[in-house]
Amino acid sequence: MCQFCHEHGEGKKWYLQMKNYADELLHQELSAKQKEVTRANTRAEWVGRFWECFEKPAVTGVPKTLMEIGMALAPTAELRGPGASEAEVLEGRQITHFGQVIPIEDVEKIIDQADSITRIPCGCRFLTTGKTNARYCFGLGASISGGLKGVPDAASSLEVLDKEEAKRVIREYDQEGLIHSIWTGVTPYLIGICNCDRDCMAYKTYIEQRGAPYFFRAEYVCRVDPDLCNGCKDCIKQCQFGAQFYSSLLGKVYIDPTRCFGCGVCRPACATSAIQLIPREEDSQAAGVWLKSA
């Protein structure tokens, strides 16, 4: 189990624990360390800044500068720039705003237990592409709509979904190859589910630019059954982590467990159901690999 499972889930999947979605946690006064890192007194204060600086621009089309966003949301260590070590940056992110990759099965479990699900425009995609109303994010809880009060035309950009509609949209994203992840707003409070590709800022800086981690790998890895694989290579097109390789001699695909993030979005592309999702701890090479490659 990942670090957060031990710290915030009593050894179980931390993102399936209802206490981490509780309104009481949202309004609880933060510890001295959390206040220092987040520059907020409560999670509600930080989440309010998150919607103001990161989500509202994606609704209104009025951008904030990266400096404005950083001053409002970045952990204290990151504001020091090159003076901060990667360990300090990682610690700050894990306290403030950190994620974990999750397969669609766990996304649906979260949806089943959610009090409310609001589909919202993606702040990352507005920053990276300039596109507004790119509704790839799912806010969980009342803090979402509360953060967007008073925004002109916000209602047209927000969709409160029932559970079945939310699952339908997520399945479409899964087929498309978008990576599902769950995110905190001052850990361990959980604020939303994202569906990411290279337009996601966290993916871009962590995976593409090989920066400090922004999220844990999933509690799983993918494995190919060679007896079922027909060598079509369709799954390789879905993998956004460079974990899949093809053997011309054998006519089979292989998944490197040390590179696999366990998102599972390669599975919909497999016509023969040759790809299985297994617990990370059951693979000797992947067990204990949560951030950088082994």
Protein backbone atom coordinates (compact mmCIF):
# COMPACT_ATOMS: atom_id res chain seq x y z
CA MET A 1 0.00 0.00 0.00
CA CYS A 2 1.18 3.53 -0.70
CA GLN A 3 2.35 5.99 1.96
CA PHE A 4 -1.07 7.68 2.17
CA CYS A 5 -2.80 4.33 2.72
CA HIS A 6 -0.73 3.83 5.85
CA GLU A 7 -1.01 7.43 7.04
CA HIS A 8 -4.64 8.16 6.14
CA GLY A 9 -6.31 4.83 5.40
CA GLU A 10 -5.26 2.53 8.24
CA GLY A 11 -3.60 0.25 5.72
CA LYS A 12 -6.53 0.32 3.30
CA LYS A 13 -7.04 2.43 0.18
CA TRP A 14 -7.00 5.93 1.61
CA TYR A 15 -9.19 7.38 -1.14
CA LEU A 16 -12.05 5.00 -0.25
CA GLN A 17 -12.20 6.16 3.38
CA MET A 18 -15.24 8.38 3.96
CA LYS A 19 -13.48 10.34 6.72
CA ASN A 20 -11.23 11.87 4.04
CA TYR A 21 -14.25 13.49 2.36
CA ALA A 22 -15.83 14.78 5.58
CA ASP A 23 -16.99 18.37 5.88
CA GLU A 24 -15.56 18.42 9.39
CA LEU A 25 -12.09 17.80 7.94
CA LEU A 26 -12.59 20.62 5.44
CA HIS A 27 -13.16 23.17 8.22
CA GLN A 28 -10.74 21.77 10.79
CA GLU A 29 -7.90 24.08 11.86
CA LEU A 30 -4.64 22.96 10.32
CA SER A 31 -1.52 21.99 12.23
CA ALA A 32 1.38 24.43 12.54
CA LYS A 33 3.31 22.54 9.86
CA GLN A 34 0.34 22.51 7.47
CA LYS A 35 -0.21 26.24 7.99
CA GLU A 36 3.45 26.93 7.25
CA VAL A 37 3.40 24.90 4.02
CA THR A 38 -0.03 25.94 2.70
CA ARG A 39 -0.24 29.49 4.10
CA ALA A 40 -3.84 28.72 5.09
CA ASN A 41 -5.57 28.21 8.43
CA THR A 42 -8.10 25.63 7.24
CA ARG A 43 -8.55 23.38 4.21
CA ALA A 44 -11.63 25.41 3.33
CA GLU A 45 -9.42 28.50 3.00
CA TRP A 46 -6.97 26.71 0.70
CA VAL A 47 -9.74 25.09 -1.37
CA GLY A 48 -11.35 28.51 -1.78
CA ARG A 49 -8.09 29.86 -3.19
CA PHE A 50 -7.84 26.81 -5.46
CA TRP A 51 -11.22 27.53 -7.07
CA GLU A 52 -10.55 31.25 -7.24
CA CYS A 53 -7.13 30.97 -8.92
CA PHE A 54 -7.34 27.69 -10.81
CA GLU A 55 -10.94 26.82 -11.65
CA LYS A 56 -12.65 30.17 -12.11
CA PRO A 57 -10.30 31.17 -14.96
CA ALA A 58 -11.32 27.99 -16.82
CA VAL A 59 -14.95 29.08 -16.46
CA THR A 60 -14.59 32.77 -17.22
CA GLY A 61 -11.70 32.68 -19.71
CA VAL A 62 -9.89 35.36 -17.68
CA PRO A 63 -6.46 33.89 -16.94
CA LYS A 64 -4.31 34.22 -13.86
CA THR A 65 -0.56 34.42 -14.29
CA LEU A 66 1.59 31.50 -13.20
CA MET A 67 3.04 33.78 -10.54
CA GLU A 68 -0.42 34.55 -9.17
CA ILE A 69 -1.33 30.86 -9.11
CA GLY A 70 1.94 29.93 -7.46
CA MET A 71 1.63 32.59 -4.77
CA ALA A 72 -1.86 31.37 -3.95
CA LEU A 73 -1.45 27.60 -4.19
CA ALA A 74 2.15 26.42 -4.32
CA PRO A 75 3.69 24.90 -1.18
CA THR A 76 6.04 27.30 0.58
CA ALA A 77 9.17 25.40 -0.49
CA GLU A 78 8.35 25.78 -4.19
CA LEU A 79 8.22 29.55 -3.86
CA ARG A 80 11.94 29.44 -3.09
CA GLY A 81 12.53 28.26 -6.65
CA PRO A 82 15.87 26.53 -7.31
CA GLY A 83 16.76 26.93 -3.64
CA ALA A 84 14.36 24.14 -2.67
CA SER A 85 15.47 20.52 -2.86
CA GLU A 86 13.30 17.93 -4.61
CA ALA A 87 12.65 16.29 -1.22
CA GLU A 88 11.31 19.60 0.16
CA VAL A 89 9.16 20.14 -2.94
CA LEU A 90 7.74 16.60 -2.69
CA GLU A 91 6.96 17.00 1.01
CA GLY A 92 5.17 20.27 0.33
CA ARG A 93 3.10 18.80 -2.48
CA GLN A 94 2.14 15.78 -0.40
CA ILE A 95 0.89 18.11 2.33
CA THR A 96 -0.89 20.55 0.01
CA HIS A 97 -2.17 19.03 -3.23
CA PHE A 98 -1.19 15.49 -4.23
CA GLY A 99 -2.77 12.71 -6.23
CA GLN A 100 -2.80 9.02 -6.98
CA VAL A 101 -3.53 7.18 -10.20
CA ILE A 102 -6.61 4.97 -9.87
CA PRO A 103 -8.20 2.49 -12.30
CA ILE A 104 -11.81 2.84 -13.40
CA GLU A 105 -12.96 0.20 -10.90
CA ASP A 106 -11.88 2.42 -8.00
CA VAL A 107 -13.23 5.56 -9.68
CA GLU A 108 -16.65 3.91 -9.72
CA LYS A 109 -16.35 2.99 -6.03
CA ILE A 110 -15.63 6.63 -5.20
CA ILE A 111 -18.61 7.74 -7.27
CA ASP A 112 -20.86 5.24 -5.48
CA GLN A 113 -20.00 6.74 -2.08
CA ALA A 114 -19.87 10.42 -3.12
CA ASP A 115 -22.44 12.86 -1.71
CA SER A 116 -22.30 14.98 -4.86
CA ILE A 117 -20.48 14.90 -8.18
CA THR A 118 -19.94 18.08 -10.19
CA ARG A 119 -18.31 18.01 -13.61
CA ILE A 120 -16.19 21.13 -13.94
CA PRO A 121 -13.84 22.81 -16.45
CA CYS A 122 -10.20 21.76 -16.22
CA GLY A 123 -7.84 24.44 -14.95
CA CYS A 124 -4.82 22.58 -16.33
CA ARG A 125 -6.17 22.47 -19.86
CA PHE A 126 -7.02 26.16 -19.73
CA LEU A 127 -3.42 26.90 -18.73
CA THR A 128 -1.83 24.62 -21.32
CA THR A 129 -4.17 25.08 -24.29
CA GLY A 130 -6.21 28.22 -23.56
CA LYS A 131 -9.42 26.21 -23.99
CA THR A 132 -12.26 27.04 -21.63
CA ASN A 133 -15.06 24.68 -20.64
CA ALA A 134 -12.89 21.55 -21.07
CA ARG A 135 -14.89 19.57 -18.52
CA TYR A 136 -12.56 16.71 -17.65
CA CYS A 137 -12.62 17.15 -13.86
CA PHE A 138 -15.12 15.85 -11.30
CA GLY A 139 -15.48 17.79 -8.07
CA LEU A 140 -16.52 15.85 -5.00
CA GLY A 141 -18.54 17.51 -2.25
CA ALA A 142 -20.23 20.85 -1.66
CA SER A 143 -16.92 22.76 -1.58
CA ILE A 144 -16.89 22.70 -5.38
CA SER A 145 -20.02 24.70 -6.12
CA GLY A 146 -19.39 26.94 -3.12
CA GLY A 147 -16.05 27.98 -4.54
CA LEU A 148 -17.66 29.24 -7.73
CA LYS A 149 -20.44 31.38 -6.26
CA GLY A 150 -20.81 34.71 -7.96
CA VAL A 151 -19.11 33.67 -11.18
CA PRO A 152 -21.09 34.87 -14.24
CA ASP A 153 -22.43 31.97 -16.28
CA ALA A 154 -20.82 29.44 -13.93
CA ALA A 155 -23.98 27.37 -13.94
CA SER A 156 -23.59 26.69 -17.64
CA SER A 157 -20.08 25.32 -17.08
CA LEU A 158 -20.93 23.11 -14.11
CA GLU A 159 -22.87 19.88 -14.30
CA VAL A 160 -24.18 18.15 -11.22
CA LEU A 161 -24.25 14.52 -12.31
CA ASP A 162 -26.04 11.53 -10.88
CA LYS A 163 -23.92 8.46 -10.25
CA GLU A 164 -24.81 6.61 -13.43
CA GLU A 165 -24.16 9.61 -15.67
CA ALA A 166 -20.80 10.20 -13.97
CA LYS A 167 -19.83 6.57 -14.57
CA ARG A 168 -20.90 6.81 -18.21
CA VAL A 169 -18.63 9.82 -18.80
CA ILE A 170 -15.73 8.18 -16.98
CA ARG A 171 -16.09 5.04 -19.14
CA GLU A 172 -15.88 7.22 -22.25
CA TYR A 173 -12.68 8.79 -20.92
CA ASP A 174 -11.33 5.32 -20.12
CA GLN A 175 -11.94 4.21 -23.71
CA GLU A 176 -10.17 7.36 -24.89
CA GLY A 177 -7.10 6.53 -22.80
CA LEU A 178 -7.31 9.32 -20.21
CA ILE A 179 -5.58 8.59 -16.91
CA HIS A 180 -7.86 8.72 -13.85
CA SER A 181 -6.51 10.19 -10.62
CA ILE A 182 -7.78 11.36 -7.22
CA TRP A 183 -6.53 14.63 -5.64
CA THR A 184 -6.30 16.27 -2.23
CA GLY A 185 -6.94 19.83 -1.12
CA VAL A 186 -4.58 19.80 1.88
CA THR A 187 -4.08 16.09 2.49
CA PRO A 188 -5.97 13.94 3.32
CA TYR A 189 -9.09 15.89 2.31
CA LEU A 190 -10.17 14.73 -1.17
CA ILE A 191 -11.58 17.27 -3.60
CA GLY A 192 -11.79 15.69 -7.01
CA ILE A 193 -11.15 13.16 -9.75
CA CYS A 194 -9.14 14.18 -12.81
CA ASN A 195 -8.89 12.55 -16.22
CA CYS A 196 -5.50 13.45 -17.60
CA ASP A 197 -3.21 13.36 -20.61
CA ARG A 198 -0.22 15.48 -21.58
CA ASP A 199 -2.28 18.67 -21.26
CA CYS A 200 -2.40 18.08 -17.49
CA MET A 201 0.12 20.26 -15.64
CA ALA A 202 0.93 17.56 -13.09
CA TYR A 203 1.55 14.96 -15.81
CA LYS A 204 3.54 17.42 -17.92
CA THR A 205 5.90 18.52 -15.13
CA TYR A 206 6.29 15.12 -13.47
CA ILE A 207 6.26 12.63 -16.36
CA GLU A 208 7.06 14.60 -19.50
CA GLN A 209 9.60 16.99 -17.94
CA ARG A 210 10.81 14.45 -15.34
CA GLY A 211 10.29 16.81 -12.41
CA ALA A 212 9.43 16.16 -8.77
CA PRO A 213 6.48 13.76 -8.30
CA TYR A 214 2.93 15.05 -8.18
CA PHE A 215 1.13 11.73 -7.67
CA PHE A 216 1.53 8.14 -6.55
CA ARG A 217 1.26 5.23 -8.92
CA ALA A 218 -1.87 3.09 -8.58
CA GLU A 219 -2.22 0.27 -6.09
CA TYR A 220 -2.04 -2.00 -9.15
CA VAL A 221 0.06 -2.84 -12.20
CA CYS A 222 -0.98 -4.24 -15.56
CA ARG A 223 0.21 -7.59 -16.83
CA VAL A 224 -0.16 -9.23 -20.27
CA ASP A 225 -1.23 -12.84 -20.60
CA PRO A 226 0.95 -14.00 -23.53
CA ASP A 227 -1.45 -16.83 -24.33
CA LEU A 228 -4.21 -14.30 -25.03
CA CYS A 229 -2.16 -11.50 -26.64
CA ASN A 230 -2.50 -11.48 -30.43
CA GLY A 231 0.20 -8.85 -30.96
CA CYS A 232 -2.08 -6.18 -32.42
CA LYS A 233 -0.25 -3.42 -30.47
CA ASP A 234 -3.44 -1.38 -30.00
CA CYS A 235 -2.77 -1.20 -26.26
CA ILE A 236 0.59 0.53 -26.81
CA LYS A 237 -1.20 3.54 -28.25
CA GLN A 238 -3.11 3.95 -24.99
CA CYS A 239 -0.13 3.88 -22.61
CA GLN A 240 0.92 7.37 -21.49
CA PHE A 241 3.81 6.16 -19.34
CA GLY A 242 5.96 4.34 -21.89
CA ALA A 243 5.54 1.02 -20.12
CA GLN A 244 4.59 -1.21 -23.06
CA PHE A 245 6.95 -2.88 -25.54
CA TYR A 246 6.49 -5.16 -28.52
CA SER A 247 8.47 -8.29 -29.40
CA SER A 248 8.58 -8.78 -33.17
CA LEU A 249 9.98 -12.29 -32.73
CA LEU A 250 7.24 -13.44 -30.37
CA GLY A 251 4.50 -11.22 -31.75
CA LYS A 252 3.54 -10.21 -28.19
CA VAL A 253 3.33 -7.09 -26.06
CA TYR A 254 5.20 -6.88 -22.75
CA ILE A 255 4.45 -4.42 -19.92
CA ASP A 256 7.42 -3.29 -17.81
CA PRO A 257 6.10 -3.33 -14.22
CA THR A 258 8.73 -0.80 -13.09
CA ARG A 259 7.30 1.75 -15.54
CA CYS A 260 3.61 0.85 -15.25
CA PHE A 261 1.51 3.29 -13.24
CA GLY A 262 -1.42 0.88 -13.05
CA CYS A 263 -3.99 3.18 -14.65
CA GLY A 264 -5.48 0.29 -16.63
CA VAL A 265 -6.54 2.40 -19.63
CA CYS A 266 -4.69 0.03 -21.97
CA ARG A 267 -7.31 -2.65 -21.28
CA PRO A 268 -10.21 -1.22 -23.34
CA ALA A 269 -8.00 -1.37 -26.45
CA CYS A 270 -7.38 -5.10 -26.05
CA ALA A 271 -9.87 -7.14 -28.10
CA THR A 272 -8.75 -10.42 -26.50
CA SER A 273 -8.81 -9.24 -22.84
CA ALA A 274 -5.15 -10.18 -22.52
CA ILE A 275 -4.31 -7.40 -20.04
CA GLN A 276 -5.04 -7.96 -16.38
CA LEU A 277 -4.84 -5.56 -13.45
CA ILE A 278 -3.13 -7.12 -10.43
CA PRO A 279 -2.26 -5.70 -6.98
CA ARG A 280 1.11 -3.94 -7.12
CA GLU A 281 2.36 -5.95 -4.15
CA GLU A 282 1.95 -9.18 -6.14
CA ASP A 283 4.61 -8.16 -8.66
CA SER A 284 8.12 -8.44 -7.20
CA GLN A 285 9.51 -5.75 -9.51
CA ALA A 286 6.70 -3.24 -8.94
CA ALA A 287 6.08 -3.76 -5.21
CA GLY A 288 7.08 -0.65 -3.30
CA VAL A 289 7.53 1.49 -6.45
CA TRP A 290 5.22 4.45 -5.90
CA LEU A 291 7.01 7.50 -7.30
CA LYS A 292 10.17 7.46 -9.41
CA SER A 293 11.15 4.32 -11.33
CA ALA A 294 12.91 1.56 -9.44
